[in-house]
Amino acid sequence: MLRDTRPRPRFYRVEVSYNLFGEYSVLREWGQRGKRGQALLVWFSN
């Protein structure tokens, strides 16, 4: 997802993924476009 806030547009990404141990994770990343943002990873059992 993107937000056009001039002069610095921002992004927000949510990703669901599966690992080899049978767990699911949700990765959230946010920040300014073109720069390294912040990230938070949360684990779930199903």
ModelCIF file with pLDDT and N, C-alpha, C, O atoms, coordinates in Angstrom:
data_MODEL
#
_entry.id   MODEL 
#
_entity.id                         1 
_entity.type                       polymer 
_entity.pdbx_number_of_molecules   1 
#
_entity_poly.entity_id                      1 
_entity_poly.type                           'polypeptide(L)' 
_entity_poly.nstd_linkage                   no 
_entity_poly.nstd_monomer                   no 
_entity_poly.pdbx_seq_one_letter_code       MLRDTRPRPRFYRVEVSYNLFGEYSVLREWGQRGKRGQALLVWFSN 
_entity_poly.pdbx_seq_one_letter_code_can   MLRDTRPRPRFYRVEVSYNLFGEYSVLREWGQRGKRGQALLVWFSN 
_entity_poly.pdbx_strand_id                 A 
#
loop_
_entity_poly_seq.entity_id 
_entity_poly_seq.num 
_entity_poly_seq.mon_id 
_entity_poly_seq.hetero 
1 1  MET n 
1 2  LEU n 
1 3  ARG n 
1 4  ASP n 
1 5  THR n 
1 6  ARG n 
1 7  PRO n 
1 8  ARG n 
1 9  PRO n 
1 10 ARG n 
1 11 PHE n 
1 12 TYR n 
1 13 ARG n 
1 14 VAL n 
1 15 GLU n 
1 16 VAL n 
1 17 SER n 
1 18 TYR n 
1 19 ASN n 
1 20 LEU n 
1 21 PHE n 
1 22 GLY n 
1 23 GLU n 
1 24 TYR n 
1 25 SER n 
1 26 VAL n 
1 27 LEU n 
1 28 ARG n 
1 29 GLU n 
1 30 TRP n 
1 31 GLY n 
1 32 GLN n 
1 33 ARG n 
1 34 GLY n 
1 35 LYS n 
1 36 ARG n 
1 37 GLY n 
1 38 GLN n 
1 39 ALA n 
1 40 LEU n 
1 41 LEU n 
1 42 VAL n 
1 43 TRP n 
1 44 PHE n 
1 45 SER n 
1 46 ASN n 
#
_struct_asym.id          A 
_struct_asym.entity_id   1 
#
loop_
_ma_qa_metric.id 
_ma_qa_metric.mode 
_ma_qa_metric.name 
_ma_qa_metric.software_group_id 
_ma_qa_metric.type 
1 global pLDDT . pLDDT 
2 local  pLDDT . pLDDT 
#
_ma_qa_metric_global.metric_id      1 
_ma_qa_metric_global.metric_value   92.35 
_ma_qa_metric_global.model_id       1 
_ma_qa_metric_global.ordinal_id     1 
#
loop_
_ma_qa_metric_local.label_asym_id 
_ma_qa_metric_local.label_comp_id 
_ma_qa_metric_local.label_seq_id 
_ma_qa_metric_local.metric_id 
_ma_qa_metric_local.metric_value 
_ma_qa_metric_local.model_id 
_ma_qa_metric_local.ordinal_id 
A MET 1  2 91.00 1 1  
A LEU 2  2 91.00 1 2  
A ARG 3  2 92.00 1 3  
A ASP 4  2 88.00 1 4  
A THR 5  2 82.00 1 5  
A ARG 6  2 82.00 1 6  
A PRO 7  2 85.00 1 7  
A ARG 8  2 88.00 1 8  
A PRO 9  2 92.00 1 9  
A ARG 10 2 94.00 1 10 
A PHE 11 2 94.00 1 11 
A TYR 12 2 95.00 1 12 
A ARG 13 2 94.00 1 13 
A VAL 14 2 96.00 1 14 
A GLU 15 2 95.00 1 15 
A VAL 16 2 96.00 1 16 
A SER 17 2 95.00 1 17 
A TYR 18 2 92.00 1 18 
A ASN 19 2 88.00 1 19 
A LEU 20 2 88.00 1 20 
A PHE 21 2 86.00 1 21 
A GLY 22 2 87.00 1 22 
A GLU 23 2 92.00 1 23 
A TYR 24 2 96.00 1 24 
A SER 25 2 96.00 1 25 
A VAL 26 2 96.00 1 26 
A LEU 27 2 95.00 1 27 
A ARG 28 2 96.00 1 28 
A GLU 29 2 96.00 1 29 
A TRP 30 2 95.00 1 30 
A GLY 31 2 95.00 1 31 
A GLN 32 2 93.00 1 32 
A ARG 33 2 90.00 1 33 
A GLY 34 2 89.00 1 34 
A LYS 35 2 91.00 1 35 
A ARG 36 2 90.00 1 36 
A GLY 37 2 91.00 1 37 
A GLN 38 2 96.00 1 38 
A ALA 39 2 97.00 1 39 
A LEU 40 2 96.00 1 40 
A LEU 41 2 96.00 1 41 
A VAL 42 2 96.00 1 42 
A TRP 43 2 95.00 1 43 
A PHE 44 2 95.00 1 44 
A SER 45 2 92.00 1 45 
A ASN 46 2 93.00 1 46 
#
loop_
_atom_site.group_PDB 
_atom_site.id 
_atom_site.type_symbol 
_atom_site.label_atom_id 
_atom_site.label_alt_id 
_atom_site.label_comp_id 
_atom_site.label_asym_id 
_atom_site.label_entity_id 
_atom_site.label_seq_id 
_atom_site.pdbx_PDB_ins_code 
_atom_site.Cartn_x 
_atom_site.Cartn_y 
_atom_site.Cartn_z 
_atom_site.occupancy 
_atom_site.B_iso_or_equiv 
_atom_site.pdbx_formal_charge 
_atom_site.auth_seq_id 
_atom_site.auth_comp_id 
_atom_site.auth_asym_id 
_atom_site.auth_atom_id 
_atom_site.pdbx_PDB_model_num 
ATOM 1   N N  . MET A 1 1  ? 0.842  -1.181  0.000  1.00 91.00 ? 1  MET A N  1 
ATOM 2   C CA . MET A 1 1  ? 0.000  0.000   0.000  1.00 91.00 ? 1  MET A CA 1 
ATOM 3   C C  . MET A 1 1  ? 0.883  1.239   0.000  1.00 91.00 ? 1  MET A C  1 
ATOM 4   O O  . MET A 1 1  ? 1.958  1.244   0.599  1.00 91.00 ? 1  MET A O  1 
ATOM 5   N N  . LEU A 1 2  ? 0.424  2.290   -0.676 1.00 91.00 ? 2  LEU A N  1 
ATOM 6   C CA . LEU A 1 2  ? 1.185  3.528   -0.775 1.00 91.00 ? 2  LEU A CA 1 
ATOM 7   C C  . LEU A 1 2  ? 0.347  4.699   -0.296 1.00 91.00 ? 2  LEU A C  1 
ATOM 8   O O  . LEU A 1 2  ? -0.881 4.675   -0.380 1.00 91.00 ? 2  LEU A O  1 
ATOM 9   N N  . ARG A 1 3  ? 1.020  5.724   0.207  1.00 92.00 ? 3  ARG A N  1 
ATOM 10  C CA . ARG A 1 3  ? 0.357  6.964   0.607  1.00 92.00 ? 3  ARG A CA 1 
ATOM 11  C C  . ARG A 1 3  ? 1.189  8.105   0.042  1.00 92.00 ? 3  ARG A C  1 
ATOM 12  O O  . ARG A 1 3  ? 2.380  8.223   0.329  1.00 92.00 ? 3  ARG A O  1 
ATOM 13  N N  . ASP A 1 4  ? 0.546  8.945   -0.765 1.00 88.00 ? 4  ASP A N  1 
ATOM 14  C CA . ASP A 1 4  ? 1.250  10.034  -1.427 1.00 88.00 ? 4  ASP A CA 1 
ATOM 15  C C  . ASP A 1 4  ? 1.224  11.269  -0.544 1.00 88.00 ? 4  ASP A C  1 
ATOM 16  O O  . ASP A 1 4  ? 0.345  12.120  -0.678 1.00 88.00 ? 4  ASP A O  1 
ATOM 17  N N  . THR A 1 5  ? 2.182  11.363  0.353  1.00 82.00 ? 5  THR A N  1 
ATOM 18  C CA . THR A 1 5  ? 2.327  12.532  1.220  1.00 82.00 ? 5  THR A CA 1 
ATOM 19  C C  . THR A 1 5  ? 3.538  13.305  0.732  1.00 82.00 ? 5  THR A C  1 
ATOM 20  O O  . THR A 1 5  ? 4.679  12.915  0.979  1.00 82.00 ? 5  THR A O  1 
ATOM 21  N N  . ARG A 1 6  ? 3.286  14.373  0.057  1.00 82.00 ? 6  ARG A N  1 
ATOM 22  C CA . ARG A 1 6  ? 4.393  15.152  -0.519 1.00 82.00 ? 6  ARG A CA 1 
ATOM 23  C C  . ARG A 1 6  ? 5.130  15.884  0.580  1.00 82.00 ? 6  ARG A C  1 
ATOM 24  O O  . ARG A 1 6  ? 4.477  16.344  1.516  1.00 82.00 ? 6  ARG A O  1 
ATOM 25  N N  . PRO A 1 7  ? 6.406  16.020  0.536  1.00 85.00 ? 7  PRO A N  1 
ATOM 26  C CA . PRO A 1 7  ? 7.323  15.606  -0.524 1.00 85.00 ? 7  PRO A CA 1 
ATOM 27  C C  . PRO A 1 7  ? 7.849  14.190  -0.335 1.00 85.00 ? 7  PRO A C  1 
ATOM 28  O O  . PRO A 1 7  ? 8.688  13.749  -1.120 1.00 85.00 ? 7  PRO A O  1 
ATOM 29  N N  . ARG A 1 8  ? 7.386  13.462  0.678  1.00 88.00 ? 8  ARG A N  1 
ATOM 30  C CA . ARG A 1 8  ? 7.912  12.123  0.963  1.00 88.00 ? 8  ARG A CA 1 
ATOM 31  C C  . ARG A 1 8  ? 6.808  11.071  0.929  1.00 88.00 ? 8  ARG A C  1 
ATOM 32  O O  . ARG A 1 8  ? 6.137  10.852  1.938  1.00 88.00 ? 8  ARG A O  1 
ATOM 33  N N  . PRO A 1 9  ? 6.606  10.407  -0.230 1.00 92.00 ? 9  PRO A N  1 
ATOM 34  C CA . PRO A 1 9  ? 5.615  9.321   -0.281 1.00 92.00 ? 9  PRO A CA 1 
ATOM 35  C C  . PRO A 1 9  ? 6.026  8.180   0.653  1.00 92.00 ? 9  PRO A C  1 
ATOM 36  O O  . PRO A 1 9  ? 7.212  7.956   0.891  1.00 92.00 ? 9  PRO A O  1 
ATOM 37  N N  . ARG A 1 10 ? 5.038  7.471   1.173  1.00 94.00 ? 10 ARG A N  1 
ATOM 38  C CA . ARG A 1 10 ? 5.297  6.406   2.142  1.00 94.00 ? 10 ARG A CA 1 
ATOM 39  C C  . ARG A 1 10 ? 4.724  5.087   1.636  1.00 94.00 ? 10 ARG A C  1 
ATOM 40  O O  . ARG A 1 10 ? 3.846  5.069   0.773  1.00 94.00 ? 10 ARG A O  1 
ATOM 41  N N  . PHE A 1 11 ? 5.233  3.978   2.188  1.00 94.00 ? 11 PHE A N  1 
ATOM 42  C CA . PHE A 1 11 ? 4.745  2.650   1.833  1.00 94.00 ? 11 PHE A CA 1 
ATOM 43  C C  . PHE A 1 11 ? 4.400  1.874   3.101  1.00 94.00 ? 11 PHE A C  1 
ATOM 44  O O  . PHE A 1 11 ? 4.889  2.175   4.190  1.00 94.00 ? 11 PHE A O  1 
ATOM 45  N N  . TYR A 1 12 ? 3.538  0.861   2.927  1.00 95.00 ? 12 TYR A N  1 
ATOM 46  C CA . TYR A 1 12 ? 3.173  -0.049  4.009  1.00 95.00 ? 12 TYR A CA 1 
ATOM 47  C C  . TYR A 1 12 ? 2.993  -1.415  3.364  1.00 95.00 ? 12 TYR A C  1 
ATOM 48  O O  . TYR A 1 12 ? 2.225  -1.549  2.412  1.00 95.00 ? 12 TYR A O  1 
ATOM 49  N N  . ARG A 1 13 ? 3.685  -2.430  3.866  1.00 94.00 ? 13 ARG A N  1 
ATOM 50  C CA . ARG A 1 13 ? 3.617  -3.766  3.285  1.00 94.00 ? 13 ARG A CA 1 
ATOM 51  C C  . ARG A 1 13 ? 3.291  -4.768  4.369  1.00 94.00 ? 13 ARG A C  1 
ATOM 52  O O  . ARG A 1 13 ? 3.868  -4.738  5.456  1.00 94.00 ? 13 ARG A O  1 
ATOM 53  N N  . VAL A 1 14 ? 2.352  -5.664  4.062  1.00 96.00 ? 14 VAL A N  1 
ATOM 54  C CA . VAL A 1 14 ? 1.981  -6.757  4.960  1.00 96.00 ? 14 VAL A CA 1 
ATOM 55  C C  . VAL A 1 14 ? 2.149  -8.048  4.173  1.00 96.00 ? 14 VAL A C  1 
ATOM 56  O O  . VAL A 1 14 ? 1.609  -8.185  3.075  1.00 96.00 ? 14 VAL A O  1 
ATOM 57  N N  . GLU A 1 15 ? 2.898  -8.997  4.734  1.00 95.00 ? 15 GLU A N  1 
ATOM 58  C CA . GLU A 1 15 ? 3.180  -10.246 4.022  1.00 95.00 ? 15 GLU A CA 1 
ATOM 59  C C  . GLU A 1 15 ? 2.989  -11.436 4.949  1.00 95.00 ? 15 GLU A C  1 
ATOM 60  O O  . GLU A 1 15 ? 3.511  -11.456 6.063  1.00 95.00 ? 15 GLU A O  1 
ATOM 61  N N  . VAL A 1 16 ? 2.234  -12.430 4.481  1.00 96.00 ? 16 VAL A N  1 
ATOM 62  C CA . VAL A 1 16 ? 2.041  -13.669 5.222  1.00 96.00 ? 16 VAL A CA 1 
ATOM 63  C C  . VAL A 1 16 ? 2.934  -14.725 4.578  1.00 96.00 ? 16 VAL A C  1 
ATOM 64  O O  . VAL A 1 16 ? 2.908  -14.900 3.360  1.00 96.00 ? 16 VAL A O  1 
ATOM 65  N N  . SER A 1 17 ? 3.723  -15.427 5.387  1.00 95.00 ? 17 SER A N  1 
ATOM 66  C CA . SER A 1 17 ? 4.600  -16.464 4.837  1.00 95.00 ? 17 SER A CA 1 
ATOM 67  C C  . SER A 1 17 ? 4.643  -17.673 5.775  1.00 95.00 ? 17 SER A C  1 
ATOM 68  O O  . SER A 1 17 ? 4.203  -17.605 6.923  1.00 95.00 ? 17 SER A O  1 
ATOM 69  N N  . TYR A 1 18 ? 5.179  -18.767 5.262  1.00 92.00 ? 18 TYR A N  1 
ATOM 70  C CA . TYR A 1 18 ? 5.239  -20.055 5.943  1.00 92.00 ? 18 TYR A CA 1 
ATOM 71  C C  . TYR A 1 18 ? 6.702  -20.443 6.091  1.00 92.00 ? 18 TYR A C  1 
ATOM 72  O O  . TYR A 1 18 ? 7.491  -20.213 5.174  1.00 92.00 ? 18 TYR A O  1 
ATOM 73  N N  . ASN A 1 19 ? 7.087  -21.029 7.232  1.00 88.00 ? 19 ASN A N  1 
ATOM 74  C CA . ASN A 1 19 ? 8.477  -21.462 7.371  1.00 88.00 ? 19 ASN A CA 1 
ATOM 75  C C  . ASN A 1 19 ? 8.571  -22.984 7.446  1.00 88.00 ? 19 ASN A C  1 
ATOM 76  O O  . ASN A 1 19 ? 7.553  -23.676 7.428  1.00 88.00 ? 19 ASN A O  1 
ATOM 77  N N  . LEU A 1 20 ? 9.777  -23.491 7.527  1.00 88.00 ? 20 LEU A N  1 
ATOM 78  C CA . LEU A 1 20 ? 10.010 -24.939 7.523  1.00 88.00 ? 20 LEU A CA 1 
ATOM 79  C C  . LEU A 1 20 ? 9.576  -25.633 8.811  1.00 88.00 ? 20 LEU A C  1 
ATOM 80  O O  . LEU A 1 20 ? 9.489  -26.861 8.842  1.00 88.00 ? 20 LEU A O  1 
ATOM 81  N N  . PHE A 1 21 ? 9.305  -24.890 9.855  1.00 86.00 ? 21 PHE A N  1 
ATOM 82  C CA . PHE A 1 21 ? 8.906  -25.467 11.133 1.00 86.00 ? 21 PHE A CA 1 
ATOM 83  C C  . PHE A 1 21 ? 7.391  -25.551 11.299 1.00 86.00 ? 21 PHE A C  1 
ATOM 84  O O  . PHE A 1 21 ? 6.901  -25.882 12.379 1.00 86.00 ? 21 PHE A O  1 
ATOM 85  N N  . GLY A 1 22 ? 6.649  -25.255 10.236 1.00 87.00 ? 22 GLY A N  1 
ATOM 86  C CA . GLY A 1 22 ? 5.200  -25.347 10.288 1.00 87.00 ? 22 GLY A CA 1 
ATOM 87  C C  . GLY A 1 22 ? 4.519  -24.151 10.912 1.00 87.00 ? 22 GLY A C  1 
ATOM 88  O O  . GLY A 1 22 ? 3.359  -24.244 11.313 1.00 87.00 ? 22 GLY A O  1 
ATOM 89  N N  . GLU A 1 23 ? 5.208  -23.035 11.002 1.00 92.00 ? 23 GLU A N  1 
ATOM 90  C CA . GLU A 1 23 ? 4.642  -21.824 11.571 1.00 92.00 ? 23 GLU A CA 1 
ATOM 91  C C  . GLU A 1 23 ? 4.398  -20.801 10.471 1.00 92.00 ? 23 GLU A C  1 
ATOM 92  O O  . GLU A 1 23 ? 5.016  -20.846 9.407  1.00 92.00 ? 23 GLU A O  1 
ATOM 93  N N  . TYR A 1 24 ? 3.497  -19.891 10.747 1.00 96.00 ? 24 TYR A N  1 
ATOM 94  C CA . TYR A 1 24 ? 3.191  -18.814 9.812  1.00 96.00 ? 24 TYR A CA 1 
ATOM 95  C C  . TYR A 1 24 ? 3.638  -17.497 10.433 1.00 96.00 ? 24 TYR A C  1 
ATOM 96  O O  . TYR A 1 24 ? 3.573  -17.318 11.649 1.00 96.00 ? 24 TYR A O  1 
ATOM 97  N N  . SER A 1 25 ? 4.085  -16.596 9.600  1.00 96.00 ? 25 SER A N  1 
ATOM 98  C CA . SER A 1 25 ? 4.503  -15.298 10.106 1.00 96.00 ? 25 SER A CA 1 
ATOM 99  C C  . SER A 1 25 ? 3.860  -14.197 9.290  1.00 96.00 ? 25 SER A C  1 
ATOM 100 O O  . SER A 1 25 ? 3.545  -14.373 8.113  1.00 96.00 ? 25 SER A O  1 
ATOM 101 N N  . VAL A 1 26 ? 3.671  -13.061 9.934  1.00 96.00 ? 26 VAL A N  1 
ATOM 102 C CA . VAL A 1 26 ? 3.186  -11.859 9.257  1.00 96.00 ? 26 VAL A CA 1 
ATOM 103 C C  . VAL A 1 26 ? 4.270  -10.806 9.421  1.00 96.00 ? 26 VAL A C  1 
ATOM 104 O O  . VAL A 1 26 ? 4.609  -10.408 10.535 1.00 96.00 ? 26 VAL A O  1 
ATOM 105 N N  . LEU A 1 27 ? 4.804  -10.365 8.295  1.00 95.00 ? 27 LEU A N  1 
ATOM 106 C CA . LEU A 1 27 ? 5.828  -9.331  8.286  1.00 95.00 ? 27 LEU A CA 1 
ATOM 107 C C  . LEU A 1 27 ? 5.168  -8.021  7.896  1.00 95.00 ? 27 LEU A C  1 
ATOM 108 O O  . LEU A 1 27 ? 4.482  -7.935  6.877  1.00 95.00 ? 27 LEU A O  1 
ATOM 109 N N  . ARG A 1 28 ? 5.384  -6.985  8.731  1.00 96.00 ? 28 ARG A N  1 
ATOM 110 C CA . ARG A 1 28 ? 4.887  -5.650  8.401  1.00 96.00 ? 28 ARG A CA 1 
ATOM 111 C C  . ARG A 1 28 ? 6.089  -4.737  8.230  1.00 96.00 ? 28 ARG A C  1 
ATOM 112 O O  . ARG A 1 28 ? 6.979  -4.701  9.079  1.00 96.00 ? 28 ARG A O  1 
ATOM 113 N N  . GLU A 1 29 ? 6.111  -3.994  7.120  1.00 96.00 ? 29 GLU A N  1 
ATOM 114 C CA . GLU A 1 29 ? 7.156  -3.017  6.874  1.00 96.00 ? 29 GLU A CA 1 
ATOM 115 C C  . GLU A 1 29 ? 6.506  -1.697  6.507  1.00 96.00 ? 29 GLU A C  1 
ATOM 116 O O  . GLU A 1 29 ? 5.476  -1.673  5.834  1.00 96.00 ? 29 GLU A O  1 
ATOM 117 N N  . TRP A 1 30 ? 7.106  -0.592  6.949  1.00 95.00 ? 30 TRP A N  1 
ATOM 118 C CA . TRP A 1 30 ? 6.564  0.723   6.636  1.00 95.00 ? 30 TRP A CA 1 
ATOM 119 C C  . TRP A 1 30 ? 7.699  1.730   6.636  1.00 95.00 ? 30 TRP A C  1 
ATOM 120 O O  . TRP A 1 30 ? 8.731  1.527   7.275  1.00 95.00 ? 30 TRP A O  1 
ATOM 121 N N  . GLY A 1 31 ? 7.492  2.815   5.913  1.00 95.00 ? 31 GLY A N  1 
ATOM 122 C CA . GLY A 1 31 ? 8.493  3.869   5.880  1.00 95.00 ? 31 GLY A CA 1 
ATOM 123 C C  . GLY A 1 31 ? 8.372  4.715   4.625  1.00 95.00 ? 31 GLY A C  1 
ATOM 124 O O  . GLY A 1 31 ? 7.361  4.671   3.924  1.00 95.00 ? 31 GLY A O  1 
ATOM 125 N N  . GLN A 1 32 ? 9.428  5.495   4.350  1.00 93.00 ? 32 GLN A N  1 
ATOM 126 C CA . GLN A 1 32 ? 9.446  6.347   3.165  1.00 93.00 ? 32 GLN A CA 1 
ATOM 127 C C  . GLN A 1 32 ? 9.852  5.516   1.958  1.00 93.00 ? 32 GLN A C  1 
ATOM 128 O O  . GLN A 1 32 ? 10.707 4.635   2.057  1.00 93.00 ? 32 GLN A O  1 
ATOM 129 N N  . ARG A 1 33 ? 9.231  5.803   0.818  1.00 90.00 ? 33 ARG A N  1 
ATOM 130 C CA . ARG A 1 33 ? 9.600  5.105   -0.413 1.00 90.00 ? 33 ARG A CA 1 
ATOM 131 C C  . ARG A 1 33 ? 11.030 5.449   -0.786 1.00 90.00 ? 33 ARG A C  1 
ATOM 132 O O  . ARG A 1 33 ? 11.447 6.603   -0.687 1.00 90.00 ? 33 ARG A O  1 
ATOM 133 N N  . GLY A 1 34 ? 11.782 4.437   -1.217 1.00 89.00 ? 34 GLY A N  1 
ATOM 134 C CA . GLY A 1 34 ? 13.155 4.636   -1.616 1.00 89.00 ? 34 GLY A CA 1 
ATOM 135 C C  . GLY A 1 34 ? 14.147 4.565   -0.481 1.00 89.00 ? 34 GLY A C  1 
ATOM 136 O O  . GLY A 1 34 ? 15.352 4.667   -0.709 1.00 89.00 ? 34 GLY A O  1 
ATOM 137 N N  . LYS A 1 35 ? 13.667 4.390   0.744  1.00 91.00 ? 35 LYS A N  1 
ATOM 138 C CA . LYS A 1 35 ? 14.545 4.284   1.906  1.00 91.00 ? 35 LYS A CA 1 
ATOM 139 C C  . LYS A 1 35 ? 14.201 3.017   2.680  1.00 91.00 ? 35 LYS A C  1 
ATOM 140 O O  . LYS A 1 35 ? 13.136 2.425   2.504  1.00 91.00 ? 35 LYS A O  1 
ATOM 141 N N  . ARG A 1 36 ? 15.110 2.632   3.521  1.00 90.00 ? 36 ARG A N  1 
ATOM 142 C CA . ARG A 1 36 ? 14.875 1.464   4.360  1.00 90.00 ? 36 ARG A CA 1 
ATOM 143 C C  . ARG A 1 36 ? 13.859 1.831   5.438  1.00 90.00 ? 36 ARG A C  1 
ATOM 144 O O  . ARG A 1 36 ? 14.009 2.836   6.132  1.00 90.00 ? 36 ARG A O  1 
ATOM 145 N N  . GLY A 1 37 ? 12.840 1.015   5.564  1.00 91.00 ? 37 GLY A N  1 
ATOM 146 C CA . GLY A 1 37 ? 11.801 1.299   6.542  1.00 91.00 ? 37 GLY A CA 1 
ATOM 147 C C  . GLY A 1 37 ? 11.977 0.478   7.808  1.00 91.00 ? 37 GLY A C  1 
ATOM 148 O O  . GLY A 1 37 ? 13.013 -0.152  8.022  1.00 91.00 ? 37 GLY A O  1 
ATOM 149 N N  . GLN A 1 38 ? 10.965 0.496   8.628  1.00 96.00 ? 38 GLN A N  1 
ATOM 150 C CA . GLN A 1 38 ? 10.945 -0.304  9.845  1.00 96.00 ? 38 GLN A CA 1 
ATOM 151 C C  . GLN A 1 38 ? 10.187 -1.591  9.560  1.00 96.00 ? 38 GLN A C  1 
ATOM 152 O O  . GLN A 1 38 ? 9.354  -1.641  8.655  1.00 96.00 ? 38 GLN A O  1 
ATOM 153 N N  . ALA A 1 39 ? 10.477 -2.633  10.334 1.00 97.00 ? 39 ALA A N  1 
ATOM 154 C CA . ALA A 1 39 ? 9.828  -3.924  10.119 1.00 97.00 ? 39 ALA A CA 1 
ATOM 155 C C  . ALA A 1 39 ? 9.472  -4.555  11.458 1.00 97.00 ? 39 ALA A C  1 
ATOM 156 O O  . ALA A 1 39 ? 10.141 -4.342  12.469 1.00 97.00 ? 39 ALA A O  1 
ATOM 157 N N  . LEU A 1 40 ? 8.396  -5.340  11.435 1.00 96.00 ? 40 LEU A N  1 
ATOM 158 C CA . LEU A 1 40 ? 7.956  -6.069  12.616 1.00 96.00 ? 40 LEU A CA 1 
ATOM 159 C C  . LEU A 1 40 ? 7.460  -7.436  12.157 1.00 96.00 ? 40 LEU A C  1 
ATOM 160 O O  . LEU A 1 40 ? 6.636  -7.521  11.246 1.00 96.00 ? 40 LEU A O  1 
ATOM 161 N N  . LEU A 1 41 ? 7.953  -8.504  12.779 1.00 96.00 ? 41 LEU A N  1 
ATOM 162 C CA . LEU A 1 41 ? 7.589  -9.871  12.419 1.00 96.00 ? 41 LEU A CA 1 
ATOM 163 C C  . LEU A 1 41 ? 6.832  -10.501 13.578 1.00 96.00 ? 41 LEU A C  1 
ATOM 164 O O  . LEU A 1 41 ? 7.295  -10.479 14.718 1.00 96.00 ? 41 LEU A O  1 
ATOM 165 N N  . VAL A 1 42 ? 5.660  -11.064 13.279 1.00 96.00 ? 42 VAL A N  1 
ATOM 166 C CA . VAL A 1 42 ? 4.820  -11.705 14.299 1.00 96.00 ? 42 VAL A CA 1 
ATOM 167 C C  . VAL A 1 42 ? 4.547  -13.141 13.845 1.00 96.00 ? 42 VAL A C  1 
ATOM 168 O O  . VAL A 1 42 ? 4.190  -13.373 12.690 1.00 96.00 ? 42 VAL A O  1 
ATOM 169 N N  . TRP A 1 43 ? 4.715  -14.105 14.760 1.00 95.00 ? 43 TRP A N  1 
ATOM 170 C CA . TRP A 1 43 ? 4.526  -15.526 14.455 1.00 95.00 ? 43 TRP A CA 1 
ATOM 171 C C  . TRP A 1 43 ? 3.145  -16.001 14.887 1.00 95.00 ? 43 TRP A C  1 
ATOM 172 O O  . TRP A 1 43 ? 2.597  -15.540 15.888 1.00 95.00 ? 43 TRP A O  1 
ATOM 173 N N  . PHE A 1 44 ? 2.584  -16.950 14.097 1.00 95.00 ? 44 PHE A N  1 
ATOM 174 C CA . PHE A 1 44 ? 1.281  -17.544 14.396 1.00 95.00 ? 44 PHE A CA 1 
ATOM 175 C C  . PHE A 1 44 ? 1.369  -19.052 14.200 1.00 95.00 ? 44 PHE A C  1 
ATOM 176 O O  . PHE A 1 44 ? 2.184  -19.529 13.411 1.00 95.00 ? 44 PHE A O  1 
ATOM 177 N N  . SER A 1 45 ? 0.540  -19.798 14.908 1.00 92.00 ? 45 SER A N  1 
ATOM 178 C CA . SER A 1 45 ? 0.584  -21.256 14.812 1.00 92.00 ? 45 SER A CA 1 
ATOM 179 C C  . SER A 1 45 ? -0.252 -21.809 13.668 1.00 92.00 ? 45 SER A C  1 
ATOM 180 O O  . SER A 1 45 ? -0.057 -22.953 13.258 1.00 92.00 ? 45 SER A O  1 
ATOM 181 N N  . ASN A 1 46 ? -1.197 -20.999 13.139 1.00 93.00 ? 46 ASN A N  1 
ATOM 182 C CA . ASN A 1 46 ? -1.976 -21.495 12.007 1.00 93.00 ? 46 ASN A CA 1 
ATOM 183 C C  . ASN A 1 46 ? -2.239 -20.385 10.990 1.00 93.00 ? 46 ASN A C  1 
ATOM 184 O O  . ASN A 1 46 ? -2.883 -20.624 9.968  1.00 93.00 ? 46 ASN A O  1 
#
